[in-house]
């Protein structure tokens, strides 16, 4: 299942994928999109064509020296077969996220934020917020909307909201127009990685009570 077609500032999904191919996305969002491409074939062809076009433009530019060129080449040539690397990525956690977090998901220090919901917040050096969620099977999240854009990648299990059902490898994009209640699938813990450019806004009865308490 592909992502919905909106991203921050009204830009379409294609521009976010183009930003990934060009290496211009914020670090956490770049890792999220990379993990999506590892887990799902949906957008691989589109990104591959973008990267091919960018590579053709590179050959027309003047060559520059590369720091540590020999060491980088040694690392490339000493790597295992491509087929084995792909199988490993699909069977375990996406490599792009392991590189981002610096360790396995199971080794991260999660904290409980709601009954059945734990989170790990990744420190970023830009204006984005990056959060990894572990949500108990069948758990309903509080109703909320978004003050900006949020991109979510499902790493394990799945969830359903007003827009559809999403499973491992699906990338979901929400904006300020979506007010929803995600519900984790009943058969498995749901693990999601989300990158947002603005805070969530709680809505519904629970949200109004929280907002009233916070405002006093």
C-alpha atoms as a PDB file:
ATOM      1  CA  UNK A   1       0.000   0.000   0.000  1.00  0.00           C
ATOM      2  CA  UNK A   2       1.422   3.343  -0.974  1.00  0.00           C
ATOM      3  CA  UNK A   3       1.456   6.459   1.112  1.00  0.00           C
ATOM      4  CA  UNK A   4      -1.203   9.107   0.789  1.00  0.00           C
ATOM      5  CA  UNK A   5      -0.328  11.939  -1.520  1.00  0.00           C
ATOM      6  CA  UNK A   6       0.368  14.859   0.812  1.00  0.00           C
ATOM      7  CA  UNK A   7       3.378  16.109   2.726  1.00  0.00           C
ATOM      8  CA  UNK A   8       4.418  19.307   4.477  1.00  0.00           C
ATOM      9  CA  UNK A   9       3.556  22.623   2.783  1.00  0.00           C
ATOM     10  CA  UNK A  10       1.160  20.787   0.486  1.00  0.00           C
ATOM     11  CA  UNK A  11       3.967  19.085  -1.421  1.00  0.00           C
ATOM     12  CA  UNK A  12       3.058  15.739  -2.994  1.00  0.00           C
ATOM     13  CA  UNK A  13       4.556  12.406  -2.071  1.00  0.00           C
ATOM     14  CA  UNK A  14       6.680  12.477  -5.219  1.00  0.00           C
ATOM     15  CA  UNK A  15       8.602  15.519  -3.984  1.00  0.00           C
ATOM     16  CA  UNK A  16       9.416  13.779  -0.706  1.00  0.00           C
ATOM     17  CA  UNK A  17      10.742  10.774  -2.613  1.00  0.00           C
ATOM     18  CA  UNK A  18      12.704  13.137  -4.863  1.00  0.00           C
ATOM     19  CA  UNK A  19      14.186  14.723  -1.752  1.00  0.00           C
ATOM     20  CA  UNK A  20      15.245  11.281  -0.582  1.00  0.00           C
ATOM     21  CA  UNK A  21      16.920  10.515  -3.912  1.00  0.00           C
ATOM     22  CA  UNK A  22      18.720  13.859  -3.836  1.00  0.00           C
ATOM     23  CA  UNK A  23      19.695  13.515  -0.156  1.00  0.00           C
ATOM     24  CA  UNK A  24      17.977  16.740   0.923  1.00  0.00           C
ATOM     25  CA  UNK A  25      15.495  15.400   3.507  1.00  0.00           C
ATOM     26  CA  UNK A  26      15.988  15.871   7.260  1.00  0.00           C
ATOM     27  CA  UNK A  27      18.047  13.025   8.716  1.00  0.00           C
ATOM     28  CA  UNK A  28      15.238  11.174  10.498  1.00  0.00           C
ATOM     29  CA  UNK A  29      12.831  11.498   7.564  1.00  0.00           C
ATOM     30  CA  UNK A  30      15.538  10.280   5.164  1.00  0.00           C
ATOM     31  CA  UNK A  31      16.001   7.177   7.342  1.00  0.00           C
ATOM     32  CA  UNK A  32      12.229   6.610   7.494  1.00  0.00           C
ATOM     33  CA  UNK A  33      11.857   6.733   3.712  1.00  0.00           C
ATOM     34  CA  UNK A  34      14.906   4.492   3.322  1.00  0.00           C
ATOM     35  CA  UNK A  35      13.356   1.937   5.683  1.00  0.00           C
ATOM     36  CA  UNK A  36      10.097   2.076   3.706  1.00  0.00           C
ATOM     37  CA  UNK A  37      12.008   1.307   0.503  1.00  0.00           C
ATOM     38  CA  UNK A  38      13.771  -1.618   2.216  1.00  0.00           C
ATOM     39  CA  UNK A  39      10.508  -3.133   3.446  1.00  0.00           C
ATOM     40  CA  UNK A  40       8.159  -2.365   0.559  1.00  0.00           C
ATOM     41  CA  UNK A  41       8.570  -2.468  -3.243  1.00  0.00           C
ATOM     42  CA  UNK A  42       5.825   0.100  -3.830  1.00  0.00           C
ATOM     43  CA  UNK A  43       7.991   3.161  -4.505  1.00  0.00           C
ATOM     44  CA  UNK A  44      11.357   1.537  -5.285  1.00  0.00           C
ATOM     45  CA  UNK A  45      10.998   1.852  -9.045  1.00  0.00           C
ATOM     46  CA  UNK A  46      10.129   5.536  -8.871  1.00  0.00           C
ATOM     47  CA  UNK A  47      13.090   6.314  -6.602  1.00  0.00           C
ATOM     48  CA  UNK A  48      15.430   4.194  -8.739  1.00  0.00           C
ATOM     49  CA  UNK A  49      14.480   6.220 -11.806  1.00  0.00           C
ATOM     50  CA  UNK A  50      15.092   9.446  -9.900  1.00  0.00           C
ATOM     51  CA  UNK A  51      18.500   8.238  -8.753  1.00  0.00           C
ATOM     52  CA  UNK A  52      19.372   7.154 -12.279  1.00  0.00           C
ATOM     53  CA  UNK A  53      18.517  10.607 -13.583  1.00  0.00           C
ATOM     54  CA  UNK A  54      20.600  12.245 -10.874  1.00  0.00           C
ATOM     55  CA  UNK A  55      23.534   9.942 -11.626  1.00  0.00           C
ATOM     56  CA  UNK A  56      23.469  10.970 -15.287  1.00  0.00           C
ATOM     57  CA  UNK A  57      23.732  14.611 -14.266  1.00  0.00           C
ATOM     58  CA  UNK A  58      26.729  13.812 -12.058  1.00  0.00           C
ATOM     59  CA  UNK A  59      28.873  12.555 -14.940  1.00  0.00           C
ATOM     60  CA  UNK A  60      28.648  15.976 -16.588  1.00  0.00           C
ATOM     61  CA  UNK A  61      30.191  17.707 -13.571  1.00  0.00           C
ATOM     62  CA  UNK A  62      33.858  18.237 -12.831  1.00  0.00           C
ATOM     63  CA  UNK A  63      35.322  15.418 -10.664  1.00  0.00           C
ATOM     64  CA  UNK A  64      36.188  16.179  -7.040  1.00  0.00           C
ATOM     65  CA  UNK A  65      38.441  14.392  -4.584  1.00  0.00           C
ATOM     66  CA  UNK A  66      36.777  12.035  -2.069  1.00  0.00           C
ATOM     67  CA  UNK A  67      38.025  11.866   1.497  1.00  0.00           C
ATOM     68  CA  UNK A  68      38.934   8.313   2.480  1.00  0.00           C
ATOM     69  CA  UNK A  69      38.344   7.044  -1.063  1.00  0.00           C
ATOM     70  CA  UNK A  70      40.384   3.861  -0.701  1.00  0.00           C
ATOM     71  CA  UNK A  71      38.771   2.898   2.615  1.00  0.00           C
ATOM     72  CA  UNK A  72      35.300   3.438   1.195  1.00  0.00           C
ATOM     73  CA  UNK A  73      36.065   1.309  -1.847  1.00  0.00           C
ATOM     74  CA  UNK A  74      37.460  -1.457   0.381  1.00  0.00           C
ATOM     75  CA  UNK A  75      34.224  -1.448   2.407  1.00  0.00           C
ATOM     76  CA  UNK A  76      32.124  -1.694  -0.748  1.00  0.00           C
ATOM     77  CA  UNK A  77      34.101  -4.556  -2.268  1.00  0.00           C
ATOM     78  CA  UNK A  78      34.267  -6.479   1.018  1.00  0.00           C
ATOM     79  CA  UNK A  79      30.481  -6.420   1.481  1.00  0.00           C
ATOM     80  CA  UNK A  80      28.504  -9.624   1.044  1.00  0.00           C
ATOM     81  CA  UNK A  81      26.367 -10.481  -1.985  1.00  0.00           C
ATOM     82  CA  UNK A  82      23.531  -8.084  -2.727  1.00  0.00           C
ATOM     83  CA  UNK A  83      20.922 -10.864  -2.533  1.00  0.00           C
ATOM     84  CA  UNK A  84      22.029 -11.830   0.982  1.00  0.00           C
ATOM     85  CA  UNK A  85      21.971  -8.212   2.129  1.00  0.00           C
ATOM     86  CA  UNK A  86      18.418  -7.729   0.831  1.00  0.00           C
ATOM     87  CA  UNK A  87      17.221 -10.917   2.543  1.00  0.00           C
ATOM     88  CA  UNK A  88      18.781  -9.793   5.815  1.00  0.00           C
ATOM     89  CA  UNK A  89      17.158  -6.365   5.636  1.00  0.00           C
ATOM     90  CA  UNK A  90      13.730  -7.857   4.995  1.00  0.00           C
ATOM     91  CA  UNK A  91      14.033 -10.429   7.788  1.00  0.00           C
ATOM     92  CA  UNK A  92      15.340  -8.057  10.464  1.00  0.00           C
ATOM     93  CA  UNK A  93      15.016  -4.355  11.212  1.00  0.00           C
ATOM     94  CA  UNK A  94      15.678  -1.964   8.324  1.00  0.00           C
ATOM     95  CA  UNK A  95      19.359  -1.071   8.156  1.00  0.00           C
ATOM     96  CA  UNK A  96      18.609   2.616   7.739  1.00  0.00           C
ATOM     97  CA  UNK A  97      16.868   2.701  11.138  1.00  0.00           C
ATOM     98  CA  UNK A  98      19.562   0.671  12.883  1.00  0.00           C
ATOM     99  CA  UNK A  99      22.055   3.209  11.562  1.00  0.00           C
ATOM    100  CA  UNK A 100      19.856   6.104  12.716  1.00  0.00           C
ATOM    101  CA  UNK A 101      19.297   4.757  16.238  1.00  0.00           C
ATOM    102  CA  UNK A 102      22.752   3.259  16.609  1.00  0.00           C
ATOM    103  CA  UNK A 103      21.301   0.047  18.082  1.00  0.00           C
ATOM    104  CA  UNK A 104      18.468  -2.436  17.813  1.00  0.00           C
ATOM    105  CA  UNK A 105      14.929  -1.312  18.608  1.00  0.00           C
ATOM    106  CA  UNK A 106      14.777  -3.803  21.485  1.00  0.00           C
ATOM    107  CA  UNK A 107      17.789  -2.084  23.074  1.00  0.00           C
ATOM    108  CA  UNK A 108      16.255   1.417  23.076  1.00  0.00           C
ATOM    109  CA  UNK A 109      15.024   2.996  26.317  1.00  0.00           C
ATOM    110  CA  UNK A 110      11.260   3.244  25.780  1.00  0.00           C
ATOM    111  CA  UNK A 111       9.039   5.052  28.281  1.00  0.00           C
ATOM    112  CA  UNK A 112       5.328   4.506  28.965  1.00  0.00           C
ATOM    113  CA  UNK A 113       3.162   7.472  27.946  1.00  0.00           C
ATOM    114  CA  UNK A 114      -0.279   5.814  28.076  1.00  0.00           C
ATOM    115  CA  UNK A 115      -1.533   2.386  29.157  1.00  0.00           C
ATOM    116  CA  UNK A 116      -0.339   0.055  26.423  1.00  0.00           C
ATOM    117  CA  UNK A 117       1.700   2.737  24.642  1.00  0.00           C
ATOM    118  CA  UNK A 118       5.459   3.263  24.903  1.00  0.00           C
ATOM    119  CA  UNK A 119       7.630   5.701  22.995  1.00  0.00           C
ATOM    120  CA  UNK A 120      11.264   6.483  22.304  1.00  0.00           C
ATOM    121  CA  UNK A 121      12.052  10.024  21.202  1.00  0.00           C
ATOM    122  CA  UNK A 122      15.067  10.479  18.998  1.00  0.00           C
ATOM    123  CA  UNK A 123      17.030  13.686  19.393  1.00  0.00           C
ATOM    124  CA  UNK A 124      17.193  15.585  16.101  1.00  0.00           C
ATOM    125  CA  UNK A 125      19.320  18.520  15.034  1.00  0.00           C
ATOM    126  CA  UNK A 126      16.569  20.181  12.995  1.00  0.00           C
ATOM    127  CA  UNK A 127      12.944  21.234  13.458  1.00  0.00           C
ATOM    128  CA  UNK A 128      11.501  17.739  13.033  1.00  0.00           C
ATOM    129  CA  UNK A 129      10.378  15.441  15.854  1.00  0.00           C
ATOM    130  CA  UNK A 130      11.079  11.714  15.548  1.00  0.00           C
ATOM    131  CA  UNK A 131       9.288   9.155  17.735  1.00  0.00           C
ATOM    132  CA  UNK A 132       9.288   5.364  17.784  1.00  0.00           C
ATOM    133  CA  UNK A 133       6.065   3.863  19.196  1.00  0.00           C
ATOM    134  CA  UNK A 134       5.327   0.424  20.641  1.00  0.00           C
ATOM    135  CA  UNK A 135       1.550  -0.024  20.868  1.00  0.00           C
ATOM    136  CA  UNK A 136      -0.107  -3.001  22.540  1.00  0.00           C
ATOM    137  CA  UNK A 137      -2.207  -5.227  20.277  1.00  0.00           C
ATOM    138  CA  UNK A 138      -5.778  -3.900  20.002  1.00  0.00           C
ATOM    139  CA  UNK A 139      -4.933  -0.595  21.708  1.00  0.00           C
ATOM    140  CA  UNK A 140      -6.889   2.439  20.544  1.00  0.00           C
ATOM    141  CA  UNK A 141      -4.903   5.677  20.427  1.00  0.00           C
ATOM    142  CA  UNK A 142      -6.460   8.979  21.565  1.00  0.00           C
ATOM    143  CA  UNK A 143      -8.266  10.892  18.856  1.00  0.00           C
ATOM    144  CA  UNK A 144      -5.971  13.553  17.426  1.00  0.00           C
ATOM    145  CA  UNK A 145      -5.169  15.780  14.485  1.00  0.00           C
ATOM    146  CA  UNK A 146      -1.917  17.378  13.365  1.00  0.00           C
ATOM    147  CA  UNK A 147      -0.645  20.929  13.456  1.00  0.00           C
ATOM    148  CA  UNK A 148       1.633  20.115  10.524  1.00  0.00           C
ATOM    149  CA  UNK A 149       2.700  17.002   8.639  1.00  0.00           C
ATOM    150  CA  UNK A 150       3.436  13.567  10.078  1.00  0.00           C
ATOM    151  CA  UNK A 151       4.984  10.654   8.179  1.00  0.00           C
ATOM    152  CA  UNK A 152       4.565   7.232   9.818  1.00  0.00           C
ATOM    153  CA  UNK A 153       6.175   3.928   8.862  1.00  0.00           C
ATOM    154  CA  UNK A 154       4.784   0.629  10.164  1.00  0.00           C
ATOM    155  CA  UNK A 155       7.621  -1.661  11.253  1.00  0.00           C
ATOM    156  CA  UNK A 156       5.627  -4.462  12.895  1.00  0.00           C
ATOM    157  CA  UNK A 157       1.986  -5.389  13.135  1.00  0.00           C
ATOM    158  CA  UNK A 158      -0.468  -2.865  11.762  1.00  0.00           C
ATOM    159  CA  UNK A 159      -3.183  -0.343  12.521  1.00  0.00           C
ATOM    160  CA  UNK A 160      -6.462   0.945  11.152  1.00  0.00           C
ATOM    161  CA  UNK A 161      -7.787   4.491  11.058  1.00  0.00           C
ATOM    162  CA  UNK A 162     -10.334   6.498   9.081  1.00  0.00           C
ATOM    163  CA  UNK A 163      -8.160   6.326   5.952  1.00  0.00           C
ATOM    164  CA  UNK A 164      -7.492   2.583   5.789  1.00  0.00           C
ATOM    165  CA  UNK A 165      -5.539  -0.381   7.114  1.00  0.00           C
ATOM    166  CA  UNK A 166      -1.730  -0.287   7.200  1.00  0.00           C
ATOM    167  CA  UNK A 167       0.774  -3.097   7.711  1.00  0.00           C
ATOM    168  CA  UNK A 168       4.546  -3.601   7.866  1.00  0.00           C
ATOM    169  CA  UNK A 169       6.345  -1.474   5.283  1.00  0.00           C
ATOM    170  CA  UNK A 170       3.447   0.922   4.675  1.00  0.00           C
ATOM    171  CA  UNK A 171       4.247   4.635   4.856  1.00  0.00           C
ATOM    172  CA  UNK A 172       1.346   6.878   5.889  1.00  0.00           C
ATOM    173  CA  UNK A 173       1.312  10.662   5.509  1.00  0.00           C
ATOM    174  CA  UNK A 174      -1.069  12.809   7.553  1.00  0.00           C
ATOM    175  CA  UNK A 175      -1.575  16.567   7.608  1.00  0.00           C
ATOM    176  CA  UNK A 176      -3.648  19.145   9.502  1.00  0.00           C
ATOM    177  CA  UNK A 177      -6.820  18.069   7.667  1.00  0.00           C
ATOM    178  CA  UNK A 178      -6.846  14.570   9.181  1.00  0.00           C
ATOM    179  CA  UNK A 179      -8.537  13.942  12.541  1.00  0.00           C
ATOM    180  CA  UNK A 180      -8.292  10.241  13.352  1.00  0.00           C
ATOM    181  CA  UNK A 181      -8.219   7.425  15.910  1.00  0.00           C
ATOM    182  CA  UNK A 182      -5.569   4.817  15.022  1.00  0.00           C
ATOM    183  CA  UNK A 183      -6.273   1.328  16.406  1.00  0.00           C
ATOM    184  CA  UNK A 184      -3.530  -1.317  16.549  1.00  0.00           C
ATOM    185  CA  UNK A 185      -4.346  -4.713  15.046  1.00  0.00           C
ATOM    186  CA  UNK A 186      -5.602  -7.226  17.578  1.00  0.00           C
ATOM    187  CA  UNK A 187      -3.148 -10.003  16.720  1.00  0.00           C
ATOM    188  CA  UNK A 188       0.242  -8.330  17.241  1.00  0.00           C
ATOM    189  CA  UNK A 189       2.052  -5.434  18.894  1.00  0.00           C
ATOM    190  CA  UNK A 190       2.277  -2.460  16.528  1.00  0.00           C
ATOM    191  CA  UNK A 191       5.660  -0.738  16.184  1.00  0.00           C
ATOM    192  CA  UNK A 192       5.709   2.507  14.200  1.00  0.00           C
ATOM    193  CA  UNK A 193       8.281   5.197  13.480  1.00  0.00           C
ATOM    194  CA  UNK A 194       6.909   8.716  13.007  1.00  0.00           C
ATOM    195  CA  UNK A 195       8.567  11.943  11.907  1.00  0.00           C
ATOM    196  CA  UNK A 196       6.611  15.189  12.231  1.00  0.00           C
ATOM    197  CA  UNK A 197       7.264  18.871  11.710  1.00  0.00           C
ATOM    198  CA  UNK A 198       4.765  20.065  14.343  1.00  0.00           C
ATOM    199  CA  UNK A 199       3.130  18.653  17.501  1.00  0.00           C
ATOM    200  CA  UNK A 200      -0.006  16.510  17.566  1.00  0.00           C
ATOM    201  CA  UNK A 201      -3.259  18.122  18.693  1.00  0.00           C
ATOM    202  CA  UNK A 202      -5.564  15.998  20.865  1.00  0.00           C
ATOM    203  CA  UNK A 203      -9.242  16.189  19.888  1.00  0.00           C
ATOM    204  CA  UNK A 204     -12.408  14.455  21.020  1.00  0.00           C
ATOM    205  CA  UNK A 205     -13.612  14.238  24.632  1.00  0.00           C
ATOM    206  CA  UNK A 206     -10.257  13.083  26.025  1.00  0.00           C
ATOM    207  CA  UNK A 207      -8.389  15.783  24.152  1.00  0.00           C
ATOM    208  CA  UNK A 208     -10.715  18.545  25.328  1.00  0.00           C
ATOM    209  CA  UNK A 209     -10.280  17.446  28.946  1.00  0.00           C
ATOM    210  CA  UNK A 210      -6.477  17.389  28.590  1.00  0.00           C
ATOM    211  CA  UNK A 211      -6.394  20.727  26.822  1.00  0.00           C
ATOM    212  CA  UNK A 212      -8.612  22.282  29.501  1.00  0.00           C
ATOM    213  CA  UNK A 213      -6.352  20.934  32.247  1.00  0.00           C
ATOM    214  CA  UNK A 214      -3.182  22.168  30.503  1.00  0.00           C
ATOM    215  CA  UNK A 215      -4.646  25.633  29.895  1.00  0.00           C
ATOM    216  CA  UNK A 216      -5.277  26.211  33.629  1.00  0.00           C
END
